Amino acid sequence: MMQARTKKSFRDLWRQRTQVIAVGVTIALGVMLYVATAGAFENLTVSYQQTYDRLAFADLSATGGDPATVAQAALDAGAASAITRTQVDPPMLIDGTKLVGRVVGLPTESHPAVDDVGVIEGSYLDPGATDQVLVERHAADTFGLVPGDTLQVWSASGWQDVTVQGIVESAEYLWPARSRQDVLSDPNAFAVIYASESAVESWAGTSPNEALVLLPDGASDSLRADVTAAMTAASATSVITQLEQPSHATLNEDLQGFDEMSKAFPALFLAAAGVAAWVLLTRRILQERPVIGTMMAAGARRGRVLRHYLGQGVIIGLAGAVVGAALGALANGAITAAYTGALGIPDTVVRTYPWMIGLGLAFGAVVGLLGALGPSVVASRTSPAQAMRPVADASPPGPWSRFVARRRSLPVGLRMALRDVVRSKRRTFATMLGTVLALVLVLASVGMMVSIMDAIDTQFNDVVLSDASVVAQAGTGAQAAIMAVDGVASVEPTFSGAVTVIGPDGSYATALNGFRTDTVMHGFRDSAGNALALPEDGILVGHAMSGLLGVQVGDTVTLSTGAGDTQAVIRGFVDEPMGTSVYASLDTATAALPASSVEQFAITLDDGVDRDAMRATITGLDGVVAYQDQRAILGSVEQYLGLFWAFIGVMILLGTVLALAVMYVTMAVNVVERTGELATLRAAGVPLRRVAGAIATENMLATVLAVPFGLVLGVMAADAFLQTFNDDLFSLSIHWSWWMLPATALGVLLAALISQWPATRQIARVDIAKVVRERAA
């Protein structure tokens, strides 16, 4: 049977059901976000791992030295499996499109022990076949390839015609990234195919150049370090871990950002819910002081009073948490499926985690408990005599009140509001706190969205100034032929290749890009946004290398390439939103990189030209083997950020709902606690419009006072969230358009104004006679 105290709790909460529901909604939103996003993160992690395990994704990949010796050294050090293979990036011709693709060697007698492929259409390579290839599914989707189609691969002896034997998925290319510095590219400019190892060696005229290693399940960090050291000692020049592999690093970057947001946003929502609960229960206890005094005078112990009000907080918290956990469990699977579907992850694992639901319920109960703790302790420590005295929330009139009272030119309602803002400090603080939380919630989401949009704009308008890049066979006069194409504005030779930068604190594999020192194809800017000049000698490097390698401007680093090691002086650090590359003059880059049989060009196009037509025209020129449209990369960026936009959109929507709920609670409670005062004014003949106006003016004044604090804290929160995405792949900084902060502040003020409407209805529904009788008693 329900105890009397419990019945009273439910009855009291029912009397303020509108405000209680609003607080419950805030808790439900926080718990729902936690269960949905944290569950989705766990599912995504398991989904990735299932694919990696199924396809034996390499734990370590090495280049340089003798791959067979490196692989044997790894086995001797404790690796479970180790293989060698050949990987090259030759020109390809697919359905009339020229591009620089990637060919990876596979055994034909059986599947490889490391970095296997999963056939999703067609079949695996026939034993001994040298004219068959498997096409990675992203390329198959882009070019519409199916088994039986043909394509051409450039080899040392010319174009090789090959037949598509099957469409495959690969753990190495869940995200089709050519390198860590080229994770977002034109999908028409990159394709991965697999052919027999003997065919690849024959086409490229080379021997195996990679060693791939699989460690035992549950390998310790010490074993991983031992194997890495053994491979390095066996002359491998670069050993990258699974975490550094381009595809995994790109997806992991997105996943980690999702993980951060799956914790930070629910925490923010639950903090707001706790404050709303605190506001509601604080004002309730102030109202019930006479009841508390009566209970304690009748023999009720302080612990019982404490448990009574704590129980109200727990009831609100649990009710909101139950709803939130149920909705979160339903959303969990939808978010997981949407994510894996959007990024094309082969395996989708959807699980419901009971411990996570239990934790969500606990979060809700704790939030309600903490929100009620302060008011409950105050109530339990109040002496019966003190509790039964009239409530004196407002302080005695002071200099400010007297100053305002003398301003007789001001309307009475405004003078009341100005006086009460200072006299009722606790009420003013609660209203300001609600406003601050509302601004933080909205600005945290909006700030991230605007800053990432600004980063994309900077990357494609201030850093990458060319419209396309072209690769052509050397000695074919391609530069003049491209310049002669109608619609091409300018052409510049460029030169780029893979490089490992070695500094005092480590090494970093990236791309070395050579431009003319007076180039108009690329912009170089430092962290302050100032333009940098490309030096005749020395290099510019991405600013992330400063921390990764422990280097400063003026330091000398080693550039390790296929042509050997070269010493170079760092002349400056560039700050680019995407990637961490090395830039040098054409002469410096040409001297550092191995000789190439192809020439590279960056081009700009006339405004308004048909970019598809330009691609077709230029790739049709003699000698041109690849074309990459820089604007097409934006499509990849949008795909990569697609779910991020959706997540941020949902956060803005829920943040707005939460902000309205918090503000509604604070405004409504303000009216409830002043019921007696308002009823007296109404009984004295003051019109409803004037009474409601005075309350609204006071609330809006407190809201306006809180806006500067909310803006500052909101900007700080947005910056903190954005920093979670920063590493060597992305460099993001907070950015605000001039109108964003005023617009957000205006929106919150509008929300506060809208919240006055239900408050006015509460004033209109006050039973004047009943309240006056109670006060007279």
Foldseek 3Di string as FASTA:
>chain_A
DDDPLVVVLVVVCVVVVVLLVLLLQLLLQLLLLLQQLVQLLVQLVVLLVVQCVVQQAFFKKFFFFDQVLLQVLLVVLAFPHKDFFAKDFFWKAAPNAIATEMEIAAAQVDADPHFGKAFPAADGHHHPDQQEKEWEVLLCVVRVDHFQDWIWTAFPVGTHIHTYRTYIHTSLPLQPAPFLQGSFFQSSHYIYMYGHRVNVCRRHVHHTGMMTTHHPPPDDPVSVVSSVVSSVVSGGPDMDGPCRRNVNVLVVLVSLLSVVCSPVLSVLSLVLSLLLLLLQLLLVLLVCLLVLLVCVVVPDALVVLLCSQLVSLLVSLLVSLVSSLVSSLVSNQVLNCVVCVLSVSPGGGRDRDPVSSVVSSVSSNVSSNSSRNVSSNVSSPDHSVRSNDRRDQFDPQDPQLVVLVPPVVDDPLLSLLSRCCVRNVVLLVSLLVLLLSLLLLQLLLVQQVVQVVVQVCCQDVAFFQFFKKWKFFPPPPLQVVLVPDAFWDHKFWKDKDWKWKAAQQGIDIDMEIAGAQPDPRGFFAAPVRDTDTADQFAKEKAPLVCVVRVDDQQDWIWIQEPVGIDIGGHHYHGHHFFAIYMYHHRVHRPVRYDDDRMIMMTTHGDPPDDVVVSSSVSCPDHGIRGMTGPVSSVVSVCSSCVVVVVVSVVSNVVSNSSSLSSLLSSLQSVLVSCLLVLLVCVVVPDDLVSSLSSSLSSSLVSSVVSLVVSLVSSQVSNQVSNVSSDHRGGDTGGDDDPCVSVVSSVVSSVSNVVSSVVSSVVSVPRPSVVSVVVVVD
